[in-house]
Amino acid sequence: MIYHICRKEDWENALKKGFYIPENFEKEGFIHFSKAEQVCNTANLFYKNVNHLVLLETDDKDDSLVRFENPPDDPVALFPHYYGTLPVGKVLRVIPFPQGKNGLFDLPEGVA
């Protein structure tokens, strides 16, 4: 499984359109995802003080649109990138992802 962090409002808009596409898709050409063990680090780096987040859980097995690639600043880490718009039917679960009282994100129960 792979996970994408987004605002709940953006997911609700995707449900109306039938697909999800983030703001930076035009520039980057893919949707950023994380493996379960990468979710919290990603959230704590890029989503500090952002409220009303959800995790979109998607199965990456046998999906030709998913590629595991290195970010430019870390030649060792591999992050999943989804090269296309994400059909809402591909999302298996939408998991609330609140920030903790300490200001940091913790992996929600059931995400492994």
N, C-alpha and C. Protein backbone atom coordinates (compact mmCIF):
# COMPACT_ATOMS: atom_id res chain seq x y z
N MET A 1 0.83 -1.18 0.00
CA MET A 1 0.00 0.00 0.00
C MET A 1 0.88 1.25 0.00
N ILE A 2 0.38 2.29 -0.65
CA ILE A 2 1.03 3.59 -0.63
C ILE A 2 0.01 4.63 -0.22
N TYR A 3 0.51 5.78 0.25
CA TYR A 3 -0.36 6.79 0.85
C TYR A 3 -0.04 8.18 0.32
N HIS A 4 -1.10 8.93 0.06
CA HIS A 4 -0.96 10.32 -0.35
C HIS A 4 -1.62 11.19 0.71
N ILE A 5 -0.94 12.23 1.12
CA ILE A 5 -1.48 13.18 2.10
C ILE A 5 -2.14 14.32 1.35
N CYS A 6 -3.38 14.61 1.71
CA CYS A 6 -4.05 15.76 1.08
C CYS A 6 -5.06 16.37 2.05
N ARG A 7 -5.51 17.55 1.71
CA ARG A 7 -6.55 18.21 2.50
C ARG A 7 -7.88 17.51 2.25
N LYS A 8 -8.66 17.39 3.29
CA LYS A 8 -9.97 16.76 3.19
C LYS A 8 -10.81 17.44 2.11
N GLU A 9 -10.75 18.75 2.05
CA GLU A 9 -11.51 19.53 1.06
C GLU A 9 -11.11 19.15 -0.37
N ASP A 10 -9.82 18.92 -0.60
CA ASP A 10 -9.35 18.53 -1.94
C ASP A 10 -9.90 17.15 -2.31
N TRP A 11 -9.96 16.24 -1.33
CA TRP A 11 -10.53 14.92 -1.60
C TRP A 11 -12.02 15.03 -1.89
N GLU A 12 -12.73 15.86 -1.14
CA GLU A 12 -14.17 16.04 -1.38
C GLU A 12 -14.42 16.59 -2.78
N ASN A 13 -13.57 17.50 -3.23
CA ASN A 13 -13.68 18.02 -4.60
C ASN A 13 -13.40 16.92 -5.63
N ALA A 14 -12.44 16.06 -5.32
CA ALA A 14 -12.12 14.95 -6.23
C ALA A 14 -13.32 14.01 -6.38
N LEU A 15 -14.03 13.79 -5.30
CA LEU A 15 -15.21 12.91 -5.36
C LEU A 15 -16.25 13.45 -6.34
N LYS A 16 -16.38 14.75 -6.41
CA LYS A 16 -17.34 15.37 -7.34
C LYS A 16 -16.88 15.22 -8.79
N LYS A 17 -15.56 15.28 -9.02
CA LYS A 17 -15.00 15.20 -10.37
C LYS A 17 -14.78 13.76 -10.84
N GLY A 18 -14.57 12.85 -9.88
CA GLY A 18 -14.29 11.47 -10.23
C GLY A 18 -12.81 11.13 -10.25
N PHE A 19 -11.96 12.13 -10.01
CA PHE A 19 -10.52 11.89 -9.98
C PHE A 19 -9.86 12.93 -9.09
N TYR A 20 -8.67 12.59 -8.60
CA TYR A 20 -7.90 13.50 -7.76
C TYR A 20 -6.65 13.92 -8.52
N ILE A 21 -6.37 15.21 -8.42
CA ILE A 21 -5.14 15.75 -9.01
C ILE A 21 -4.69 16.92 -8.14
N PRO A 22 -3.47 16.88 -7.60
CA PRO A 22 -3.00 17.97 -6.73
C PRO A 22 -2.61 19.20 -7.53
N GLU A 23 -2.48 20.31 -6.81
CA GLU A 23 -2.13 21.59 -7.44
C GLU A 23 -0.83 21.53 -8.22
N ASN A 24 0.16 20.81 -7.71
CA ASN A 24 1.49 20.82 -8.34
C ASN A 24 1.65 19.77 -9.44
N PHE A 25 0.56 19.11 -9.83
CA PHE A 25 0.65 18.05 -10.84
C PHE A 25 1.15 18.57 -12.19
N GLU A 26 0.64 19.70 -12.61
CA GLU A 26 1.06 20.28 -13.90
C GLU A 26 2.56 20.50 -13.95
N LYS A 27 3.12 20.98 -12.85
CA LYS A 27 4.55 21.30 -12.78
C LYS A 27 5.39 20.02 -12.70
N GLU A 28 4.95 19.06 -11.87
CA GLU A 28 5.79 17.89 -11.59
C GLU A 28 5.46 16.68 -12.45
N GLY A 29 4.22 16.56 -12.89
CA GLY A 29 3.85 15.45 -13.76
C GLY A 29 3.51 14.15 -13.04
N PHE A 30 3.45 14.19 -11.72
CA PHE A 30 3.09 13.01 -10.95
C PHE A 30 2.51 13.43 -9.61
N ILE A 31 1.93 12.45 -8.90
CA ILE A 31 1.39 12.67 -7.56
C ILE A 31 2.34 12.02 -6.57
N HIS A 32 2.75 12.79 -5.56
CA HIS A 32 3.64 12.28 -4.52
C HIS A 32 2.89 11.32 -3.61
N PHE A 33 3.45 10.17 -3.38
CA PHE A 33 2.95 9.20 -2.42
C PHE A 33 4.09 8.85 -1.46
N SER A 34 3.74 8.16 -0.39
CA SER A 34 4.73 7.67 0.57
C SER A 34 4.39 6.24 0.93
N LYS A 35 5.41 5.48 1.27
CA LYS A 35 5.19 4.18 1.89
C LYS A 35 4.79 4.46 3.34
N ALA A 36 4.18 3.48 4.00
CA ALA A 36 3.69 3.70 5.37
C ALA A 36 4.79 4.25 6.27
N GLU A 37 5.99 3.71 6.16
CA GLU A 37 7.08 4.14 7.04
C GLU A 37 7.60 5.54 6.70
N GLN A 38 7.16 6.13 5.59
CA GLN A 38 7.59 7.47 5.19
C GLN A 38 6.55 8.55 5.48
N VAL A 39 5.33 8.13 5.78
CA VAL A 39 4.21 9.07 5.91
C VAL A 39 4.47 10.15 6.95
N CYS A 40 4.85 9.77 8.15
CA CYS A 40 5.01 10.77 9.23
C CYS A 40 6.13 11.75 8.94
N ASN A 41 7.26 11.27 8.45
CA ASN A 41 8.35 12.19 8.11
C ASN A 41 7.91 13.18 7.04
N THR A 42 7.21 12.69 6.04
CA THR A 42 6.70 13.57 4.97
C THR A 42 5.76 14.61 5.55
N ALA A 43 4.82 14.16 6.37
CA ALA A 43 3.84 15.08 6.96
C ALA A 43 4.51 16.11 7.85
N ASN A 44 5.45 15.67 8.67
CA ASN A 44 6.11 16.60 9.58
C ASN A 44 7.00 17.61 8.85
N LEU A 45 7.48 17.24 7.67
CA LEU A 45 8.29 18.17 6.88
C LEU A 45 7.44 19.18 6.10
N PHE A 46 6.34 18.70 5.52
CA PHE A 46 5.62 19.53 4.55
C PHE A 46 4.22 19.99 5.00
N TYR A 47 3.69 19.45 6.09
CA TYR A 47 2.31 19.76 6.46
C TYR A 47 2.17 20.27 7.89
N LYS A 48 3.24 20.76 8.45
CA LYS A 48 3.17 21.29 9.81
C LYS A 48 2.14 22.42 9.86
N ASN A 49 1.28 22.36 10.85
CA ASN A 49 0.22 23.37 11.07
C ASN A 49 -0.83 23.40 9.97
N VAL A 50 -0.96 22.33 9.21
CA VAL A 50 -2.04 22.22 8.22
C VAL A 50 -3.11 21.31 8.83
N ASN A 51 -4.33 21.79 8.86
CA ASN A 51 -5.43 21.05 9.46
C ASN A 51 -6.27 20.33 8.41
N HIS A 52 -7.08 19.41 8.89
CA HIS A 52 -8.06 18.70 8.06
C HIS A 52 -7.40 17.90 6.94
N LEU A 53 -6.39 17.13 7.31
CA LEU A 53 -5.71 16.27 6.34
C LEU A 53 -6.28 14.86 6.38
N VAL A 54 -6.15 14.18 5.25
CA VAL A 54 -6.50 12.77 5.15
C VAL A 54 -5.38 12.05 4.41
N LEU A 55 -5.32 10.75 4.63
CA LEU A 55 -4.42 9.89 3.87
C LEU A 55 -5.26 9.12 2.86
N LEU A 56 -4.85 9.14 1.62
CA LEU A 56 -5.48 8.33 0.58
C LEU A 56 -4.66 7.07 0.44
N GLU A 57 -5.27 5.93 0.72
CA GLU A 57 -4.57 4.65 0.63
C GLU A 57 -4.88 4.00 -0.71
N THR A 58 -3.82 3.60 -1.41
CA THR A 58 -3.93 3.01 -2.74
C THR A 58 -3.02 1.79 -2.82
N ASP A 59 -3.46 0.80 -3.55
CA ASP A 59 -2.63 -0.39 -3.77
C ASP A 59 -1.71 -0.12 -4.95
N ASP A 60 -0.43 -0.32 -4.73
CA ASP A 60 0.55 -0.05 -5.79
C ASP A 60 0.94 -1.29 -6.57
N LYS A 61 0.45 -2.47 -6.17
CA LYS A 61 0.83 -3.71 -6.86
C LYS A 61 0.28 -3.71 -8.28
N ASP A 62 1.13 -4.11 -9.20
CA ASP A 62 0.75 -4.26 -10.61
C ASP A 62 0.14 -2.99 -11.20
N ASP A 63 0.62 -1.85 -10.76
CA ASP A 63 0.12 -0.57 -11.29
C ASP A 63 1.25 0.08 -12.08
N SER A 64 1.10 0.12 -13.38
CA SER A 64 2.15 0.66 -14.24
C SER A 64 2.33 2.17 -14.10
N LEU A 65 1.38 2.84 -13.43
CA LEU A 65 1.50 4.29 -13.24
C LEU A 65 2.32 4.65 -12.00
N VAL A 66 2.67 3.65 -11.19
CA VAL A 66 3.47 3.89 -9.98
C VAL A 66 4.93 3.58 -10.27
N ARG A 67 5.79 4.55 -9.93
CA ARG A 67 7.23 4.35 -10.04
C ARG A 67 7.87 4.76 -8.72
N PHE A 68 8.81 3.95 -8.26
CA PHE A 68 9.56 4.28 -7.04
C PHE A 68 10.84 4.99 -7.47
N GLU A 69 10.99 6.24 -6.99
CA GLU A 69 12.09 7.08 -7.45
C GLU A 69 12.74 7.81 -6.27
N ASN A 70 13.99 8.20 -6.50
CA ASN A 70 14.74 8.96 -5.51
C ASN A 70 14.41 10.44 -5.62
N PRO A 71 14.20 11.10 -4.47
CA PRO A 71 14.11 12.56 -4.54
C PRO A 71 15.50 13.14 -4.83
N PRO A 72 15.58 14.31 -5.42
CA PRO A 72 16.88 14.88 -5.79
C PRO A 72 17.84 15.03 -4.61
N ASP A 73 17.32 15.28 -3.42
CA ASP A 73 18.20 15.52 -2.28
C ASP A 73 18.51 14.26 -1.46
N ASP A 74 18.01 13.09 -1.90
CA ASP A 74 18.27 11.85 -1.16
C ASP A 74 18.38 10.69 -2.14
N PRO A 75 19.60 10.37 -2.55
CA PRO A 75 19.79 9.31 -3.56
C PRO A 75 19.54 7.89 -3.02
N VAL A 76 19.27 7.76 -1.73
CA VAL A 76 19.05 6.44 -1.14
C VAL A 76 17.56 6.12 -1.00
N ALA A 77 16.76 7.10 -0.61
CA ALA A 77 15.33 6.87 -0.37
C ALA A 77 14.58 6.66 -1.67
N LEU A 78 13.60 5.80 -1.64
CA LEU A 78 12.72 5.58 -2.79
C LEU A 78 11.30 5.95 -2.38
N PHE A 79 10.71 6.89 -3.12
CA PHE A 79 9.34 7.30 -2.86
C PHE A 79 8.47 6.92 -4.05
N PRO A 80 7.24 6.49 -3.79
CA PRO A 80 6.33 6.17 -4.88
C PRO A 80 5.76 7.45 -5.51
N HIS A 81 5.76 7.47 -6.82
CA HIS A 81 5.15 8.57 -7.58
C HIS A 81 4.12 7.96 -8.52
N TYR A 82 2.96 8.60 -8.58
CA TYR A 82 1.87 8.13 -9.42
C TYR A 82 1.78 9.03 -10.64
N TYR A 83 2.06 8.48 -11.82
CA TYR A 83 2.11 9.26 -13.05
C TYR A 83 0.77 9.24 -13.78
N GLY A 84 -0.15 10.01 -13.25
CA GLY A 84 -1.47 10.14 -13.86
C GLY A 84 -2.41 10.78 -12.87
N THR A 85 -3.62 11.10 -13.34
CA THR A 85 -4.64 11.54 -12.40
C THR A 85 -5.13 10.30 -11.68
N LEU A 86 -5.51 10.45 -10.43
CA LEU A 86 -5.88 9.31 -9.59
C LEU A 86 -7.40 9.15 -9.60
N PRO A 87 -7.93 8.09 -10.22
CA PRO A 87 -9.38 7.86 -10.17
C PRO A 87 -9.82 7.62 -8.73
N VAL A 88 -10.95 8.21 -8.33
CA VAL A 88 -11.39 8.05 -6.94
C VAL A 88 -11.65 6.58 -6.60
N GLY A 89 -12.00 5.77 -7.57
CA GLY A 89 -12.24 4.35 -7.34
C GLY A 89 -10.97 3.58 -7.00
N LYS A 90 -9.82 4.15 -7.28
CA LYS A 90 -8.54 3.50 -6.96
C LYS A 90 -8.19 3.66 -5.48
N VAL A 91 -8.80 4.61 -4.82
CA VAL A 91 -8.53 4.86 -3.40
C VAL A 91 -9.31 3.84 -2.57
N LEU A 92 -8.58 3.04 -1.81
CA LEU A 92 -9.19 1.98 -1.01
C LEU A 92 -9.76 2.51 0.30
N ARG A 93 -9.03 3.42 0.91
CA ARG A 93 -9.48 4.02 2.17
C ARG A 93 -9.07 5.48 2.22
N VAL A 94 -9.90 6.27 2.90
CA VAL A 94 -9.59 7.66 3.21
C VAL A 94 -9.51 7.72 4.72
N ILE A 95 -8.32 8.01 5.23
CA ILE A 95 -8.04 7.91 6.66
C ILE A 95 -7.81 9.30 7.23
N PRO A 96 -8.58 9.71 8.24
CA PRO A 96 -8.31 11.00 8.88
C PRO A 96 -6.86 11.04 9.38
N PHE A 97 -6.22 12.19 9.22
CA PHE A 97 -4.80 12.32 9.56
C PHE A 97 -4.57 13.63 10.32
N PRO A 98 -5.03 13.68 11.59
CA PRO A 98 -4.86 14.91 12.37
C PRO A 98 -3.45 15.04 12.92
N GLN A 99 -3.08 16.26 13.14
CA GLN A 99 -1.81 16.56 13.78
C GLN A 99 -1.97 16.33 15.28
N GLY A 100 -0.95 15.79 15.93
CA GLY A 100 -1.01 15.56 17.37
C GLY A 100 -0.92 16.85 18.16
N LYS A 101 -1.24 16.78 19.43
CA LYS A 101 -1.18 17.96 20.30
C LYS A 101 0.22 18.54 20.40
N ASN A 102 1.21 17.68 20.16
CA ASN A 102 2.61 18.14 20.19
C ASN A 102 3.03 18.78 18.87
N GLY A 103 2.10 18.88 17.92
CA GLY A 103 2.39 19.50 16.63
C GLY A 103 2.97 18.55 15.60
N LEU A 104 3.14 17.28 15.98
CA LEU A 104 3.70 16.28 15.06
C LEU A 104 2.63 15.28 14.65
N PHE A 105 2.88 14.61 13.55
CA PHE A 105 1.96 13.60 13.04
C PHE A 105 2.42 12.22 13.49
N ASP A 106 1.45 11.40 13.84
CA ASP A 106 1.68 10.01 14.17
C ASP A 106 0.92 9.15 13.17
N LEU A 107 1.45 8.00 12.86
CA LEU A 107 0.80 7.09 11.92
C LEU A 107 -0.54 6.63 12.49
N PRO A 108 -1.61 6.79 11.75
CA PRO A 108 -2.92 6.35 12.25
C PRO A 108 -2.96 4.83 12.46
N GLU A 109 -3.80 4.42 13.37
CA GLU A 109 -3.97 3.00 13.62
C GLU A 109 -4.46 2.32 12.34
N GLY A 110 -3.95 1.14 12.09
CA GLY A 110 -4.37 0.39 10.91
C GLY A 110 -3.57 0.68 9.66
N VAL A 111 -2.62 1.60 9.73
CA VAL A 111 -1.76 1.88 8.59
C VAL A 111 -0.43 1.18 8.87
N ALA A 112 -0.07 0.27 7.95
CA ALA A 112 1.17 -0.47 8.17
C ALA A 112 1.91 -0.67 6.86
